[in-house]
Amino acid sequence: MPRVRRCRQYGCHAMCPLPNHYCPLHIEHEAEYLASRERWRNKERSKAQVHKYNTVTRNRTVTKQEQYNFYRTRQWAHLRQSVLDRDHYLCQYCRVIGKLTPDSKTVDHIIPVEAKPSDKADECNLAVICRPCHYKKTEWERKYYGTGNGNELKDVEPIEDVKRIVLMMNGRNNHA
């Protein structure tokens, strides 16, 4: 039996034979995808740039290094898979507004790790989130909690309710 992989087209679950990345229905995207991979591969990145990114930008503090190391553990891999199975790969933030976003593969901390490090391995503090919602939520966390590079953590009440977070992310109910 030939080796296969899932088609890269969003929402398509068809299998395609290796070395293709798209099924016969979406094969017209193959050349474009291979060209983008080639452009990425050919970008010049010196060892100094990579080292600076990893040591200065990405893991700028001991806390960030600990967080990074946590996401590389077997415990996190099992937690993440458990949450994905629990939420059926559906974005919980989109679900609040009545929209179903399938194939979401990111697991997010409802209360950010910076704000409450003790809950980083608590399954109740995790939810599946799609990319657009994750971007919005990260921006909201920077404003509400003061997370992120260059910010100071604020002493605010942690919000555990996804519905309330969605309302606040979308600019409604800011003082609830």
N, C-alpha and C. Protein backbone atom coordinates (compact mmCIF):
# COMPACT_ATOMS: atom_id res chain seq x y z
N MET A 1 0.85 -1.19 0.00
CA MET A 1 0.00 0.00 0.00
C MET A 1 0.89 1.25 0.00
N PRO A 2 0.62 2.22 -0.88
CA PRO A 2 1.45 3.43 -0.94
C PRO A 2 1.26 4.29 0.31
N ARG A 3 2.30 5.02 0.66
CA ARG A 3 2.22 5.93 1.81
C ARG A 3 1.41 7.15 1.41
N VAL A 4 0.59 7.64 2.35
CA VAL A 4 -0.29 8.77 2.08
C VAL A 4 -0.22 9.79 3.21
N ARG A 5 -0.73 10.96 2.94
CA ARG A 5 -0.86 12.00 3.96
C ARG A 5 -2.15 12.75 3.69
N ARG A 6 -2.58 13.53 4.67
CA ARG A 6 -3.81 14.31 4.52
C ARG A 6 -3.55 15.52 3.63
N CYS A 7 -4.52 15.87 2.82
CA CYS A 7 -4.43 17.03 1.93
C CYS A 7 -4.27 18.30 2.75
N ARG A 8 -3.41 19.23 2.28
CA ARG A 8 -3.14 20.48 3.00
C ARG A 8 -4.25 21.51 2.83
N GLN A 9 -5.18 21.28 1.92
CA GLN A 9 -6.27 22.24 1.70
C GLN A 9 -7.14 22.31 2.95
N TYR A 10 -7.41 23.53 3.42
CA TYR A 10 -8.20 23.72 4.64
C TYR A 10 -9.57 23.06 4.49
N GLY A 11 -9.92 22.23 5.44
CA GLY A 11 -11.22 21.58 5.45
C GLY A 11 -11.29 20.30 4.64
N CYS A 12 -10.28 20.00 3.87
CA CYS A 12 -10.27 18.78 3.06
C CYS A 12 -9.63 17.66 3.88
N HIS A 13 -10.30 16.55 3.96
CA HIS A 13 -9.78 15.43 4.75
C HIS A 13 -9.36 14.26 3.87
N ALA A 14 -9.26 14.50 2.56
CA ALA A 14 -8.87 13.44 1.63
C ALA A 14 -7.39 13.12 1.82
N MET A 15 -7.04 11.92 1.46
CA MET A 15 -5.66 11.48 1.54
C MET A 15 -5.02 11.61 0.16
N CYS A 16 -3.73 11.95 0.15
CA CYS A 16 -3.01 12.07 -1.11
C CYS A 16 -1.73 11.25 -1.02
N PRO A 17 -1.32 10.66 -2.13
CA PRO A 17 -0.11 9.82 -2.10
C PRO A 17 1.14 10.69 -1.98
N LEU A 18 2.10 10.21 -1.20
CA LEU A 18 3.37 10.90 -1.09
C LEU A 18 4.07 10.87 -2.44
N PRO A 19 4.79 11.83 -2.88
CA PRO A 19 5.26 13.00 -2.17
C PRO A 19 4.32 14.21 -2.29
N ASN A 20 3.12 14.06 -2.87
CA ASN A 20 2.20 15.18 -3.02
C ASN A 20 1.72 15.70 -1.68
N HIS A 21 1.35 16.99 -1.65
CA HIS A 21 0.81 17.61 -0.44
C HIS A 21 -0.68 17.89 -0.58
N TYR A 22 -1.22 17.73 -1.79
CA TYR A 22 -2.62 18.00 -2.06
C TYR A 22 -3.26 16.80 -2.77
N CYS A 23 -4.53 16.58 -2.52
CA CYS A 23 -5.28 15.50 -3.15
C CYS A 23 -5.54 15.86 -4.62
N PRO A 24 -6.00 14.93 -5.43
CA PRO A 24 -6.26 15.22 -6.84
C PRO A 24 -7.24 16.38 -7.06
N LEU A 25 -8.15 16.60 -6.11
CA LEU A 25 -9.12 17.69 -6.23
C LEU A 25 -8.46 19.07 -6.08
N HIS A 26 -7.39 19.15 -5.28
CA HIS A 26 -6.73 20.43 -4.98
C HIS A 26 -5.29 20.49 -5.49
N ILE A 27 -4.93 19.61 -6.40
CA ILE A 27 -3.54 19.49 -6.85
C ILE A 27 -3.01 20.78 -7.48
N GLU A 28 -3.91 21.67 -7.93
CA GLU A 28 -3.45 22.92 -8.56
C GLU A 28 -2.68 23.81 -7.58
N HIS A 29 -2.81 23.57 -6.28
CA HIS A 29 -2.10 24.36 -5.27
C HIS A 29 -0.69 23.83 -4.99
N GLU A 30 -0.37 22.67 -5.52
CA GLU A 30 0.90 22.00 -5.21
C GLU A 30 2.12 22.86 -5.59
N ALA A 31 2.13 23.38 -6.81
CA ALA A 31 3.29 24.15 -7.29
C ALA A 31 3.48 25.40 -6.43
N GLU A 32 2.39 26.08 -6.10
CA GLU A 32 2.46 27.29 -5.28
C GLU A 32 3.02 26.96 -3.89
N TYR A 33 2.58 25.85 -3.32
CA TYR A 33 3.04 25.44 -2.00
C TYR A 33 4.54 25.11 -2.03
N LEU A 34 4.97 24.35 -3.04
CA LEU A 34 6.38 23.98 -3.14
C LEU A 34 7.26 25.22 -3.35
N ALA A 35 6.75 26.19 -4.10
CA ALA A 35 7.51 27.43 -4.31
C ALA A 35 7.66 28.21 -3.01
N SER A 36 6.60 28.26 -2.19
CA SER A 36 6.68 28.97 -0.91
C SER A 36 7.64 28.28 0.04
N ARG A 37 7.66 26.95 0.02
CA ARG A 37 8.62 26.20 0.85
C ARG A 37 10.05 26.48 0.42
N GLU A 38 10.25 26.56 -0.88
CA GLU A 38 11.59 26.82 -1.41
C GLU A 38 12.05 28.22 -1.01
N ARG A 39 11.15 29.21 -1.11
CA ARG A 39 11.49 30.58 -0.69
C ARG A 39 11.88 30.60 0.79
N TRP A 40 11.13 29.90 1.61
CA TRP A 40 11.43 29.84 3.05
C TRP A 40 12.78 29.19 3.30
N ARG A 41 13.05 28.11 2.60
CA ARG A 41 14.29 27.36 2.79
C ARG A 41 15.50 28.19 2.37
N ASN A 42 15.35 29.04 1.36
CA ASN A 42 16.46 29.80 0.83
C ASN A 42 16.73 31.10 1.57
N LYS A 43 15.89 31.45 2.53
CA LYS A 43 16.15 32.68 3.28
C LYS A 43 17.42 32.48 4.10
N GLU A 44 18.26 33.47 4.07
CA GLU A 44 19.53 33.38 4.79
C GLU A 44 19.31 33.69 6.27
N ARG A 45 19.69 32.77 7.09
CA ARG A 45 19.65 32.98 8.53
C ARG A 45 20.99 32.56 9.09
N SER A 46 21.72 33.51 9.62
CA SER A 46 23.02 33.16 10.18
C SER A 46 22.84 32.51 11.54
N LYS A 47 23.86 31.80 11.98
CA LYS A 47 23.81 31.18 13.30
C LYS A 47 23.64 32.23 14.38
N ALA A 48 24.24 33.39 14.16
CA ALA A 48 24.14 34.48 15.14
C ALA A 48 22.69 34.97 15.26
N GLN A 49 21.98 35.08 14.13
CA GLN A 49 20.58 35.52 14.17
C GLN A 49 19.71 34.50 14.91
N VAL A 50 19.91 33.22 14.60
CA VAL A 50 19.14 32.17 15.24
C VAL A 50 19.43 32.14 16.74
N HIS A 51 20.71 32.25 17.11
CA HIS A 51 21.09 32.24 18.51
C HIS A 51 20.48 33.43 19.25
N LYS A 52 20.55 34.62 18.63
CA LYS A 52 19.99 35.82 19.26
C LYS A 52 18.49 35.66 19.46
N TYR A 53 17.79 35.13 18.46
CA TYR A 53 16.35 34.93 18.60
C TYR A 53 16.05 33.99 19.76
N ASN A 54 16.74 32.86 19.80
CA ASN A 54 16.45 31.86 20.84
C ASN A 54 16.84 32.32 22.24
N THR A 55 17.93 33.06 22.38
CA THR A 55 18.39 33.43 23.72
C THR A 55 17.89 34.78 24.19
N VAL A 56 17.72 35.73 23.27
CA VAL A 56 17.34 37.08 23.68
C VAL A 56 15.85 37.33 23.50
N THR A 57 15.33 37.03 22.34
CA THR A 57 13.94 37.36 22.04
C THR A 57 12.98 36.34 22.63
N ARG A 58 13.17 35.08 22.28
CA ARG A 58 12.20 34.05 22.66
C ARG A 58 12.28 33.70 24.15
N ASN A 59 13.45 33.35 24.61
CA ASN A 59 13.61 32.95 26.01
C ASN A 59 14.37 34.04 26.75
N ARG A 60 13.74 35.18 26.91
CA ARG A 60 14.43 36.35 27.44
C ARG A 60 14.60 36.33 28.95
N THR A 61 13.84 35.48 29.64
CA THR A 61 13.96 35.40 31.10
C THR A 61 13.94 33.94 31.53
N VAL A 62 14.25 33.71 32.79
CA VAL A 62 14.20 32.36 33.34
C VAL A 62 12.78 31.82 33.27
N THR A 63 11.80 32.68 33.55
CA THR A 63 10.39 32.29 33.51
C THR A 63 10.01 31.82 32.11
N LYS A 64 10.41 32.57 31.09
CA LYS A 64 10.11 32.19 29.71
C LYS A 64 10.80 30.88 29.34
N GLN A 65 12.01 30.66 29.83
CA GLN A 65 12.72 29.41 29.56
C GLN A 65 11.96 28.24 30.19
N GLU A 66 11.46 28.43 31.41
CA GLU A 66 10.70 27.38 32.08
C GLU A 66 9.42 27.07 31.31
N GLN A 67 8.73 28.13 30.85
CA GLN A 67 7.51 27.93 30.07
C GLN A 67 7.83 27.15 28.79
N TYR A 68 8.87 27.56 28.09
CA TYR A 68 9.27 26.91 26.85
C TYR A 68 9.57 25.44 27.10
N ASN A 69 10.29 25.16 28.18
CA ASN A 69 10.63 23.77 28.51
C ASN A 69 9.39 22.96 28.86
N PHE A 70 8.39 23.57 29.52
CA PHE A 70 7.15 22.87 29.86
C PHE A 70 6.44 22.39 28.60
N TYR A 71 6.40 23.23 27.57
CA TYR A 71 5.70 22.87 26.33
C TYR A 71 6.42 21.77 25.55
N ARG A 72 7.59 21.39 25.98
CA ARG A 72 8.33 20.32 25.33
C ARG A 72 8.26 19.02 26.14
N THR A 73 7.44 18.96 27.18
CA THR A 73 7.36 17.77 28.01
C THR A 73 6.29 16.81 27.53
N ARG A 74 6.40 15.58 27.97
CA ARG A 74 5.40 14.56 27.67
C ARG A 74 4.08 14.92 28.37
N GLN A 75 4.16 15.50 29.56
CA GLN A 75 2.96 15.90 30.29
C GLN A 75 2.11 16.86 29.45
N TRP A 76 2.77 17.87 28.83
CA TRP A 76 2.04 18.82 28.00
C TRP A 76 1.44 18.13 26.77
N ALA A 77 2.19 17.22 26.16
CA ALA A 77 1.69 16.52 24.98
C ALA A 77 0.42 15.74 25.30
N HIS A 78 0.40 15.08 26.47
CA HIS A 78 -0.79 14.33 26.87
C HIS A 78 -1.94 15.26 27.23
N LEU A 79 -1.64 16.34 27.96
CA LEU A 79 -2.67 17.32 28.31
C LEU A 79 -3.30 17.91 27.05
N ARG A 80 -2.46 18.32 26.12
CA ARG A 80 -2.91 18.93 24.87
C ARG A 80 -3.83 17.98 24.11
N GLN A 81 -3.41 16.73 23.96
CA GLN A 81 -4.23 15.76 23.23
C GLN A 81 -5.55 15.50 23.94
N SER A 82 -5.51 15.46 25.25
CA SER A 82 -6.72 15.25 26.04
C SER A 82 -7.72 16.39 25.81
N VAL A 83 -7.23 17.62 25.77
CA VAL A 83 -8.10 18.78 25.56
C VAL A 83 -8.64 18.79 24.13
N LEU A 84 -7.79 18.47 23.16
CA LEU A 84 -8.26 18.40 21.77
C LEU A 84 -9.37 17.36 21.62
N ASP A 85 -9.20 16.21 22.26
CA ASP A 85 -10.24 15.17 22.21
C ASP A 85 -11.51 15.63 22.93
N ARG A 86 -11.34 16.25 24.08
CA ARG A 86 -12.48 16.74 24.85
C ARG A 86 -13.31 17.76 24.07
N ASP A 87 -12.63 18.69 23.40
CA ASP A 87 -13.31 19.77 22.68
C ASP A 87 -13.56 19.43 21.20
N HIS A 88 -13.22 18.22 20.78
CA HIS A 88 -13.46 17.75 19.42
C HIS A 88 -12.85 18.65 18.36
N TYR A 89 -11.68 19.23 18.66
CA TYR A 89 -10.95 20.09 17.72
C TYR A 89 -11.76 21.30 17.28
N LEU A 90 -12.72 21.73 18.08
CA LEU A 90 -13.55 22.90 17.77
C LEU A 90 -13.12 24.08 18.63
N CYS A 91 -12.95 25.24 18.02
CA CYS A 91 -12.57 26.44 18.75
C CYS A 91 -13.67 26.80 19.75
N GLN A 92 -13.32 26.84 21.02
CA GLN A 92 -14.29 27.13 22.07
C GLN A 92 -14.68 28.60 22.11
N TYR A 93 -13.83 29.46 21.59
CA TYR A 93 -14.11 30.89 21.57
C TYR A 93 -15.09 31.22 20.45
N CYS A 94 -14.96 30.56 19.30
CA CYS A 94 -15.93 30.73 18.21
C CYS A 94 -17.29 30.13 18.60
N ARG A 95 -17.24 29.03 19.32
CA ARG A 95 -18.46 28.35 19.74
C ARG A 95 -19.36 29.24 20.57
N VAL A 96 -18.75 30.11 21.37
CA VAL A 96 -19.51 31.03 22.22
C VAL A 96 -20.40 31.94 21.38
N ILE A 97 -19.91 32.34 20.20
CA ILE A 97 -20.70 33.23 19.35
C ILE A 97 -21.51 32.46 18.31
N GLY A 98 -21.62 31.14 18.49
CA GLY A 98 -22.45 30.32 17.63
C GLY A 98 -21.82 29.91 16.31
N LYS A 99 -20.50 29.96 16.25
CA LYS A 99 -19.79 29.60 15.02
C LYS A 99 -18.96 28.34 15.29
N LEU A 100 -19.01 27.39 14.37
CA LEU A 100 -18.20 26.18 14.52
C LEU A 100 -16.97 26.29 13.63
N THR A 101 -15.81 26.25 14.26
CA THR A 101 -14.55 26.31 13.53
C THR A 101 -13.83 24.98 13.73
N PRO A 102 -13.96 24.06 12.74
CA PRO A 102 -13.33 22.75 12.89
C PRO A 102 -11.83 22.80 12.64
N ASP A 103 -11.17 21.73 12.97
CA ASP A 103 -9.73 21.55 12.74
C ASP A 103 -8.86 22.55 13.46
N SER A 104 -9.32 23.09 14.57
CA SER A 104 -8.48 23.96 15.39
C SER A 104 -7.55 23.05 16.18
N LYS A 105 -6.25 23.31 16.11
CA LYS A 105 -5.29 22.42 16.74
C LYS A 105 -4.46 23.09 17.83
N THR A 106 -4.77 24.33 18.14
CA THR A 106 -4.03 25.03 19.17
C THR A 106 -4.77 24.90 20.50
N VAL A 107 -4.03 24.58 21.55
CA VAL A 107 -4.60 24.53 22.89
C VAL A 107 -4.05 25.71 23.65
N ASP A 108 -4.95 26.50 24.22
CA ASP A 108 -4.59 27.76 24.86
C ASP A 108 -4.96 27.74 26.33
N HIS A 109 -4.17 28.44 27.14
CA HIS A 109 -4.51 28.62 28.55
C HIS A 109 -5.55 29.73 28.65
N ILE A 110 -6.66 29.44 29.29
CA ILE A 110 -7.72 30.45 29.46
C ILE A 110 -7.18 31.60 30.29
N ILE A 111 -6.60 31.28 31.43
CA ILE A 111 -5.86 32.28 32.22
C ILE A 111 -4.39 32.08 31.85
N PRO A 112 -3.73 33.10 31.30
CA PRO A 112 -2.36 32.90 30.82
C PRO A 112 -1.40 32.42 31.91
N VAL A 113 -0.41 31.68 31.50
CA VAL A 113 0.57 31.11 32.43
C VAL A 113 1.28 32.22 33.21
N GLU A 114 1.55 33.35 32.56
CA GLU A 114 2.22 34.46 33.24
C GLU A 114 1.38 34.97 34.41
N ALA A 115 0.06 34.97 34.24
CA ALA A 115 -0.83 35.49 35.28
C ALA A 115 -1.06 34.49 36.40
N LYS A 116 -1.07 33.19 36.07
CA LYS A 116 -1.33 32.17 37.08
C LYS A 116 -0.53 30.91 36.76
N PRO A 117 0.77 30.92 37.10
CA PRO A 117 1.65 29.79 36.75
C PRO A 117 1.22 28.46 37.37
N SER A 118 0.52 28.50 38.49
CA SER A 118 0.12 27.26 39.15
C SER A 118 -0.90 26.47 38.34
N ASP A 119 -1.60 27.12 37.40
CA ASP A 119 -2.63 26.45 36.60
C ASP A 119 -2.15 26.02 35.22
N LYS A 120 -0.85 26.03 34.99
CA LYS A 120 -0.37 25.72 33.64
C LYS A 120 -0.65 24.27 33.24
N ALA A 121 -0.75 23.37 34.20
CA ALA A 121 -1.02 21.96 33.88
C ALA A 121 -2.43 21.54 34.27
N ASP A 122 -3.32 22.51 34.49
CA ASP A 122 -4.70 22.22 34.87
C ASP A 122 -5.55 22.14 33.61
N GLU A 123 -6.14 20.98 33.38
CA GLU A 123 -6.94 20.77 32.17
C GLU A 123 -8.16 21.70 32.12
N CYS A 124 -8.66 22.11 33.26
CA CYS A 124 -9.81 23.03 33.30
C CYS A 124 -9.43 24.43 32.82
N ASN A 125 -8.15 24.74 32.80
CA ASN A 125 -7.67 26.04 32.35
C ASN A 125 -7.24 26.02 30.89
N LEU A 126 -7.59 24.96 30.17
CA LEU A 126 -7.19 24.83 28.77
C LEU A 126 -8.40 24.74 27.86
N ALA A 127 -8.28 25.32 26.67
CA ALA A 127 -9.35 25.25 25.68
C ALA A 127 -8.74 25.27 24.28
N VAL A 128 -9.43 24.64 23.34
CA VAL A 128 -9.01 24.66 21.95
C VAL A 128 -9.37 26.02 21.36
N ILE A 129 -8.47 26.55 20.54
CA ILE A 129 -8.67 27.88 19.97
C ILE A 129 -8.14 27.91 18.53
N CYS A 130 -8.84 28.64 17.65
CA CYS A 130 -8.39 28.77 16.26
C CYS A 130 -7.39 29.92 16.17
N ARG A 131 -6.71 30.04 15.05
CA ARG A 131 -5.68 31.08 14.90
C ARG A 131 -6.22 32.50 15.05
N PRO A 132 -7.32 32.86 14.36
CA PRO A 132 -7.80 34.24 14.50
C PRO A 132 -8.18 34.58 15.95
N CYS A 133 -8.84 33.65 16.62
CA CYS A 133 -9.21 33.89 18.03
C CYS A 133 -7.96 33.95 18.92
N HIS A 134 -6.97 33.12 18.63
CA HIS A 134 -5.75 33.11 19.44
C HIS A 134 -5.03 34.46 19.32
N TYR A 135 -5.01 34.99 18.11
CA TYR A 135 -4.39 36.31 17.90
C TYR A 135 -5.15 37.38 18.70
N LYS A 136 -6.48 37.38 18.59
CA LYS A 136 -7.29 38.36 19.32
C LYS A 136 -7.11 38.21 20.82
N LYS A 137 -7.10 36.97 21.29
CA LYS A 137 -6.99 36.72 22.73
C LYS A 137 -5.63 37.16 23.25
N THR A 138 -4.58 36.92 22.47
CA THR A 138 -3.24 37.34 22.89
C THR A 138 -3.19 38.86 23.03
N GLU A 139 -3.78 39.57 22.07
CA GLU A 139 -3.83 41.03 22.14
C GLU A 139 -4.63 41.48 23.37
N TRP A 140 -5.76 40.82 23.61
CA TRP A 140 -6.59 41.16 24.76
C TRP A 140 -5.83 40.90 26.07
N GLU A 141 -5.10 39.76 26.14
CA GLU A 141 -4.33 39.44 27.35
C GLU A 141 -3.27 40.49 27.63
N ARG A 142 -2.66 41.02 26.57
CA ARG A 142 -1.64 42.06 26.76
C ARG A 142 -2.25 43.30 27.40
N LYS A 143 -3.47 43.63 27.00
CA LYS A 143 -4.13 44.81 27.57
C LYS A 143 -4.67 44.53 28.97
N TYR A 144 -5.32 43.38 29.14
CA TYR A 144 -6.00 43.08 30.41
C TYR A 144 -5.01 42.64 31.50
N TYR A 145 -4.19 41.65 31.21
CA TYR A 145 -3.27 41.09 32.20
C TYR A 145 -1.90 41.78 32.20
N GLY A 146 -1.53 42.39 31.08
CA GLY A 146 -0.20 42.98 30.97
C GLY A 146 0.85 41.95 30.63
N THR A 147 0.47 40.89 29.90
CA THR A 147 1.42 39.87 29.50
C THR A 147 2.19 40.32 28.28
N GLY A 148 3.22 39.58 27.94
CA GLY A 148 3.97 39.88 26.72
C GLY A 148 5.24 40.65 26.99
N ASN A 149 6.05 40.72 25.96
CA ASN A 149 7.35 41.38 26.05
C ASN A 149 7.18 42.88 26.29
N GLY A 150 7.86 43.39 27.30
CA GLY A 150 7.84 44.83 27.58
C GLY A 150 6.68 45.28 28.45
N ASN A 151 5.81 44.39 28.83
CA ASN A 151 4.67 44.75 29.68
C ASN A 151 4.91 44.30 31.11
N GLU A 152 4.22 44.96 32.03
CA GLU A 152 4.26 44.53 33.43
C GLU A 152 2.92 43.92 33.78
N LEU A 153 2.98 42.79 34.49
CA LEU A 153 1.74 42.13 34.89
C LEU A 153 0.91 43.05 35.77
N LYS A 154 -0.39 43.08 35.50
CA LYS A 154 -1.31 43.88 36.30
C LYS A 154 -1.95 43.00 37.35
N ASP A 155 -2.30 43.60 38.46
CA ASP A 155 -2.98 42.88 39.53
C ASP A 155 -4.48 42.95 39.27
N VAL A 156 -4.97 42.05 38.40
CA VAL A 156 -6.38 42.03 38.03
C VAL A 156 -6.97 40.66 38.35
N GLU A 157 -8.28 40.62 38.42
CA GLU A 157 -8.98 39.37 38.69
C GLU A 157 -8.86 38.44 37.49
N PRO A 158 -8.35 37.22 37.68
CA PRO A 158 -8.29 36.27 36.56
C PRO A 158 -9.70 35.89 36.10
N ILE A 159 -9.90 35.82 34.79
CA ILE A 159 -11.20 35.46 34.24
C ILE A 159 -11.13 34.06 33.68
N GLU A 160 -11.98 33.16 34.22
CA GLU A 160 -11.99 31.76 33.80
C GLU A 160 -13.09 31.45 32.80
N ASP A 161 -14.06 32.35 32.65
CA ASP A 161 -15.22 32.11 31.81
C ASP A 161 -14.91 32.51 30.36
N VAL A 162 -14.92 31.53 29.47
CA VAL A 162 -14.60 31.77 28.06
C VAL A 162 -15.59 32.76 27.45
N LYS A 163 -16.86 32.64 27.81
CA LYS A 163 -17.89 33.54 27.26
C LYS A 163 -17.58 34.99 27.61
N ARG A 164 -17.20 35.22 28.85
CA ARG A 164 -16.88 36.59 29.29
C ARG A 164 -15.63 37.11 28.57
N ILE A 165 -14.66 36.24 28.38
CA ILE A 165 -13.43 36.63 27.68
C ILE A 165 -13.76 37.01 26.24
N VAL A 166 -14.62 36.23 25.57
CA VAL A 166 -14.99 36.52 24.19
C VAL A 166 -15.68 37.88 24.10
N LEU A 167 -16.57 38.16 25.03
CA LEU A 167 -17.25 39.46 25.04
C LEU A 167 -16.24 40.59 25.20
N MET A 168 -15.29 40.40 26.09
CA MET A 168 -14.28 41.44 26.32
C MET A 168 -13.32 41.56 25.14
N MET A 169 -12.98 40.44 24.51
CA MET A 169 -12.10 40.44 23.34
C MET A 169 -12.72 41.23 22.20
N ASN A 170 -14.03 41.12 22.07
CA ASN A 170 -14.74 41.77 20.97
C ASN A 170 -15.20 43.17 21.33
N GLY A 171 -14.72 43.69 22.45
CA GLY A 171 -15.00 45.07 22.80
C GLY A 171 -16.34 45.31 23.49
N ARG A 172 -17.00 44.25 23.89
CA ARG A 172 -18.27 44.41 24.59
C ARG A 172 -18.07 44.00 26.04
N ASN A 173 -18.78 44.62 26.91
CA ASN A 173 -18.80 44.22 28.33
C ASN A 173 -17.41 44.35 28.95
N ASN A 174 -16.72 45.44 28.68
CA ASN A 174 -15.35 45.62 29.17
C ASN A 174 -15.22 45.70 30.67
N HIS A 175 -16.27 46.10 31.34
CA HIS A 175 -16.18 46.29 32.79
C HIS A 175 -16.92 45.22 33.56
N ALA A 176 -17.28 44.12 32.93
CA ALA A 176 -18.04 43.07 33.61
C ALA A 176 -17.16 42.28 34.53
